[in-house]
Amino acid sequence: MKGYKSNETRLIYLFKEGREKWKERALSKQKKLRAMEIKVRDISLSREKWKEKAKQLEVILQEKELEIEELKKKLANRKINQKQIP
């Protein structure tokens, strides 16, 4: 192996060790990436679920507010009617 000063057996050992470390790091990064992808997927699903629930509750809230307004009007009408009766 021209260009290197160490003997060939030493170089082979170093190259093999370097390759093994590289493979180990690459596998570790792949596992971490996969775990993050799963986490993002789960968080996205959870966010969608909570968003849908919030929308449903918003509709219910609007319905209840309308119901309250109607009851207030009925109550006001009764008070007016009671005042008119001598």
Foldseek 3Di string as FASTA:
>chain_A
DPPDDDDDVVVVVVVVVVVVVVVVVVVVVVVVVVVVVVVVVVVVVVVVVVVVVVVVVVVVVVVVVVVVVVVVVVVVVVVVVVVPPD
